Amino acid sequence: MKKVLSAFGVLGAALVLLGAPVGAQTPGDITATITAAPSAPAAGSNIIVTAAFTSPQPSAAAQVQISSPNGTPNLVSFTAGLSSCVTTTNALTCQWTQPAPNVSPQTLVVSVPAGASGSSMTFTANVAASAAGSTFTQKATTTVTVGQATTTTVAGATTTVSTSTTTATTVAPPPTEAPTTVAPTTTAAGTLPATGSNSEAPLVIALVAIAAGVLLVGGARLLKSRS
């Protein structure tokens, strides 16, 4: 009797499992990749986030999702295999009714406003069973940092701009030398040109010879007159 009751118990449990909705089953090993562009967005711009979901084996219907604690994703586009996309405060979720390995990866694209400059923003790709209230499993994540604004440095602002001092070196011009003046050589009219190292010597000898001749002539006349 106990064996019969035990058999009925196993059969009843099997019937309960078979009667469970297909959506309650856990999806297969769905994988995902996620990217965000631009990688360094400016404050106030929009960050485009793309998640691609792939099912390596047949799976029950699933939910795919992009979530972020940094803002509300806005739907940009999704591929034909997805449907019934719903936006909540920090996520956008779509239904994938027939995950299978023979279909192209399903892509979900959202836009999220960039936060303050320097802030870090994280985005995740999640998967869950299609039943409402199912727990999502994180499959991929990416993080970007909002780019810093370019700072222009102006002279006199808080940032000191170093300046280089150039010292001019003055070189005095070389002294100007006075021109050399050469006195012209003047020769008196009627005078023989000077020769040798002393041009006055011949003139003195001539005068001495004349004086000696005068004395000899005068002495001869004096002797003659006395005789």
Protein backbone atom coordinates (compact mmCIF):
# COMPACT_ATOMS: atom_id res chain seq x y z
CA MET A 1 0.00 0.00 0.00
CA LYS A 2 2.82 2.38 0.90
CA LYS A 3 4.50 1.68 -2.43
CA VAL A 4 1.26 2.52 -4.28
CA LEU A 5 0.90 5.83 -2.40
CA SER A 6 4.56 6.66 -3.11
CA ALA A 7 4.05 5.98 -6.80
CA PHE A 8 0.99 8.25 -6.87
CA GLY A 9 3.06 10.96 -5.15
CA VAL A 10 5.80 10.85 -7.78
CA LEU A 11 3.21 10.88 -10.55
CA GLY A 12 1.45 13.87 -9.00
CA ALA A 13 4.71 15.82 -8.76
CA ALA A 14 5.45 15.07 -12.41
CA LEU A 15 2.01 16.28 -13.43
CA VAL A 16 2.55 19.53 -11.50
CA LEU A 17 5.86 20.13 -13.30
CA LEU A 18 4.32 19.37 -16.67
CA GLY A 19 1.45 21.72 -15.96
CA ALA A 20 3.73 24.60 -14.99
CA PRO A 21 3.81 27.48 -17.47
CA VAL A 22 6.66 27.34 -19.95
CA GLY A 23 7.71 30.87 -18.99
CA ALA A 24 8.58 29.70 -15.49
CA GLN A 25 11.38 27.55 -16.80
CA THR A 26 14.91 28.92 -16.56
CA PRO A 27 16.30 30.18 -19.93
CA GLY A 28 19.29 28.35 -21.40
CA ASP A 29 22.81 29.66 -21.22
CA ILE A 30 22.05 32.93 -22.96
CA THR A 31 25.19 35.06 -23.27
CA ALA A 32 25.51 38.80 -23.84
CA THR A 33 27.93 41.55 -24.69
CA ILE A 34 27.45 45.25 -23.93
CA THR A 35 29.20 48.40 -25.14
CA ALA A 36 28.78 52.12 -24.56
CA ALA A 37 29.78 54.91 -26.91
CA PRO A 38 31.34 57.37 -26.87
CA SER A 39 33.82 56.05 -24.31
CA ALA A 40 34.37 59.52 -22.80
CA PRO A 41 31.13 61.47 -23.35
CA ALA A 42 30.82 65.13 -22.45
CA ALA A 43 28.46 66.18 -19.66
CA GLY A 44 24.93 66.69 -21.00
CA SER A 45 25.40 64.46 -24.04
CA ASN A 46 23.73 61.09 -24.59
CA ILE A 47 25.49 57.76 -24.13
CA ILE A 48 24.42 55.09 -26.62
CA VAL A 49 24.46 51.62 -25.02
CA THR A 50 24.20 48.44 -27.12
CA ALA A 51 23.64 44.90 -25.80
CA ALA A 52 23.68 41.77 -27.99
CA PHE A 53 22.12 38.54 -26.67
CA THR A 54 22.93 35.05 -28.04
CA SER A 55 21.39 31.66 -27.22
CA PRO A 56 23.89 28.80 -27.76
CA GLN A 57 21.10 26.22 -27.34
CA PRO A 58 17.29 26.17 -27.61
CA SER A 59 15.71 27.86 -24.64
CA ALA A 60 12.36 28.81 -23.21
CA ALA A 61 11.17 32.36 -23.69
CA ALA A 62 13.26 34.90 -21.80
CA GLN A 63 13.48 38.54 -20.86
CA VAL A 64 16.52 40.57 -21.86
CA GLN A 65 17.39 43.88 -20.29
CA ILE A 66 19.78 46.84 -20.15
CA SER A 67 19.92 48.47 -16.74
CA SER A 68 21.83 51.34 -15.14
CA PRO A 69 21.73 52.89 -11.68
CA ASN A 70 22.78 56.22 -13.23
CA GLY A 71 19.68 57.11 -15.27
CA THR A 72 16.61 55.99 -17.18
CA PRO A 73 17.42 54.24 -20.49
CA ASN A 74 15.45 55.47 -23.50
CA LEU A 75 14.71 52.96 -26.26
CA VAL A 76 16.57 53.58 -29.52
CA SER A 77 16.08 50.30 -31.42
CA PHE A 78 15.72 46.49 -31.11
CA THR A 79 15.90 43.56 -33.53
CA ALA A 80 12.91 41.64 -34.86
CA GLY A 81 13.21 38.74 -32.40
CA LEU A 82 12.47 41.06 -29.46
CA SER A 83 9.10 42.54 -28.56
CA SER A 84 7.02 44.18 -25.81
CA CYS A 85 9.83 46.46 -24.58
CA VAL A 86 9.04 48.27 -21.34
CA THR A 87 10.91 51.18 -19.71
CA THR A 88 11.24 51.51 -15.94
CA THR A 89 13.23 53.94 -13.80
CA ASN A 90 16.60 52.24 -14.23
CA ALA A 91 16.06 49.59 -16.93
CA LEU A 92 14.59 48.77 -20.32
CA THR A 93 13.29 45.20 -20.71
CA CYS A 94 12.20 43.28 -23.83
CA GLN A 95 10.69 39.82 -24.37
CA TRP A 96 12.63 37.24 -26.42
CA THR A 97 10.02 34.63 -27.22
CA GLN A 98 12.10 32.04 -29.12
CA PRO A 99 15.79 31.99 -28.08
CA ALA A 100 17.61 29.53 -30.35
CA PRO A 101 21.13 29.00 -31.68
CA ASN A 102 20.03 29.20 -35.31
CA VAL A 103 18.93 32.85 -35.10
CA SER A 104 21.07 35.97 -35.20
CA PRO A 105 21.99 37.65 -31.90
CA GLN A 106 19.22 39.91 -30.71
CA THR A 107 20.33 43.51 -30.20
CA LEU A 108 18.87 46.09 -27.85
CA VAL A 109 20.00 49.74 -28.07
CA VAL A 110 19.22 52.46 -25.52
CA SER A 111 20.26 56.05 -24.87
CA VAL A 112 21.14 57.40 -21.41
CA PRO A 113 21.90 61.07 -20.61
CA ALA A 114 25.50 61.54 -19.44
CA GLY A 115 25.91 62.65 -15.86
CA ALA A 116 28.16 65.31 -14.38
CA SER A 117 31.69 65.68 -15.64
CA GLY A 118 33.98 63.11 -14.04
CA SER A 119 31.13 60.85 -12.91
CA SER A 120 31.26 57.09 -13.48
CA MET A 121 28.31 55.38 -15.22
CA THR A 122 27.73 51.61 -15.28
CA PHE A 123 25.50 49.62 -17.66
CA THR A 124 24.63 45.91 -17.47
CA ALA A 125 23.01 43.35 -19.78
CA ASN A 126 20.67 41.02 -17.86
CA VAL A 127 18.59 37.91 -18.63
CA ALA A 128 15.63 36.34 -16.79
CA ALA A 129 12.80 33.90 -17.39
CA SER A 130 9.81 35.41 -19.15
CA ALA A 131 7.46 35.12 -16.15
CA ALA A 132 6.70 38.32 -14.28
CA GLY A 133 8.78 38.73 -11.15
CA SER A 134 11.61 36.49 -12.39
CA THR A 135 15.08 37.25 -11.07
CA PHE A 136 17.50 38.75 -13.59
CA THR A 137 21.02 37.40 -13.97
CA GLN A 138 23.79 39.78 -14.96
CA LYS A 139 25.53 38.64 -18.15
CA ALA A 140 27.81 41.56 -19.05
CA THR A 141 28.71 45.02 -17.79
CA THR A 142 30.53 48.13 -18.97
CA THR A 143 31.55 51.38 -17.27
CA VAL A 144 32.34 54.79 -18.74
CA THR A 145 33.58 58.03 -17.16
CA VAL A 146 32.08 61.29 -18.31
CA GLY A 147 34.87 63.34 -19.90
CA GLN A 148 36.32 66.38 -18.20
CA ALA A 149 35.87 69.84 -19.74
CA THR A 150 38.98 71.37 -21.25
CA THR A 151 40.44 74.15 -19.09
CA THR A 152 41.95 77.16 -20.82
CA THR A 153 44.75 78.87 -18.91
CA VAL A 154 44.71 82.65 -19.16
CA ALA A 155 47.45 84.98 -17.86
CA GLY A 156 46.37 86.38 -14.50
CA ALA A 157 44.05 83.45 -13.69
CA THR A 158 44.56 80.93 -10.90
CA THR A 159 47.05 78.98 -12.97
CA THR A 160 50.40 80.74 -13.25
CA VAL A 161 51.88 80.88 -16.69
CA SER A 162 55.66 80.91 -16.53
CA THR A 163 57.42 83.47 -18.70
CA SER A 164 61.04 83.43 -19.81
CA THR A 165 63.21 86.57 -19.56
CA THR A 166 65.62 87.27 -22.36
CA THR A 167 68.68 89.39 -21.51
CA ALA A 168 70.04 91.39 -24.40
CA THR A 169 73.85 91.54 -24.53
CA THR A 170 75.27 94.75 -26.00
CA VAL A 171 78.68 94.49 -27.63
CA ALA A 172 80.58 97.82 -27.95
CA PRO A 173 81.83 98.51 -31.46
CA PRO A 174 85.63 98.53 -31.90
CA PRO A 175 87.26 101.96 -31.39
CA THR A 176 87.71 104.03 -34.49
CA GLU A 177 91.39 104.72 -35.20
CA ALA A 178 92.40 108.20 -36.39
CA PRO A 179 93.69 108.17 -39.93
CA THR A 180 97.50 108.37 -40.26
CA THR A 181 98.58 111.71 -41.77
CA VAL A 182 101.80 111.70 -43.80
CA ALA A 183 103.48 115.11 -44.03
CA PRO A 184 104.47 115.93 -47.59
CA THR A 185 108.19 116.38 -48.31
CA THR A 186 108.96 119.97 -49.44
CA THR A 187 112.15 120.74 -51.38
CA ALA A 188 113.30 124.40 -51.47
CA ALA A 189 113.71 125.89 -54.92
CA GLY A 190 117.35 125.98 -56.15
CA THR A 191 118.51 123.47 -53.54
CA LEU A 192 119.97 120.16 -54.49
CA PRO A 193 117.92 117.21 -53.41
CA ALA A 194 118.86 115.61 -50.14
CA THR A 195 120.71 112.33 -50.26
CA GLY A 196 121.89 109.82 -47.68
CA SER A 197 121.02 109.89 -44.05
CA ASN A 198 121.98 113.63 -43.54
CA SER A 199 121.14 115.99 -46.43
CA GLU A 200 122.96 119.09 -44.82
CA ALA A 201 126.53 117.60 -44.73
CA PRO A 202 127.59 118.52 -48.33
CA LEU A 203 126.50 122.12 -47.83
CA VAL A 204 128.63 122.53 -44.69
CA ILE A 205 131.70 121.05 -46.44
CA ALA A 206 131.26 123.46 -49.35
CA LEU A 207 131.06 126.47 -47.05
CA VAL A 208 134.19 125.38 -45.15
CA ALA A 209 136.05 124.91 -48.45
CA ILE A 210 135.04 128.41 -49.64
CA ALA A 211 136.12 129.99 -46.36
CA ALA A 212 139.47 128.18 -46.53
CA GLY A 213 139.99 129.41 -50.09
CA VAL A 214 139.24 132.99 -49.09
CA LEU A 215 141.74 132.77 -46.27
CA LEU A 216 144.45 131.34 -48.54
CA VAL A 217 143.90 134.03 -51.15
CA GLY A 218 143.89 136.79 -48.54
CA GLY A 219 147.09 135.45 -46.89
CA ALA A 220 148.89 135.28 -50.24
CA ARG A 221 148.03 138.92 -51.05
CA LEU A 222 149.17 140.07 -47.64
CA LEU A 223 152.56 138.38 -48.01
CA LYS A 224 152.99 139.77 -51.50
CA SER A 225 152.29 143.34 -50.40
CA ARG A 226 154.94 143.21 -47.65
CA SER A 227 157.58 141.95 -49.90
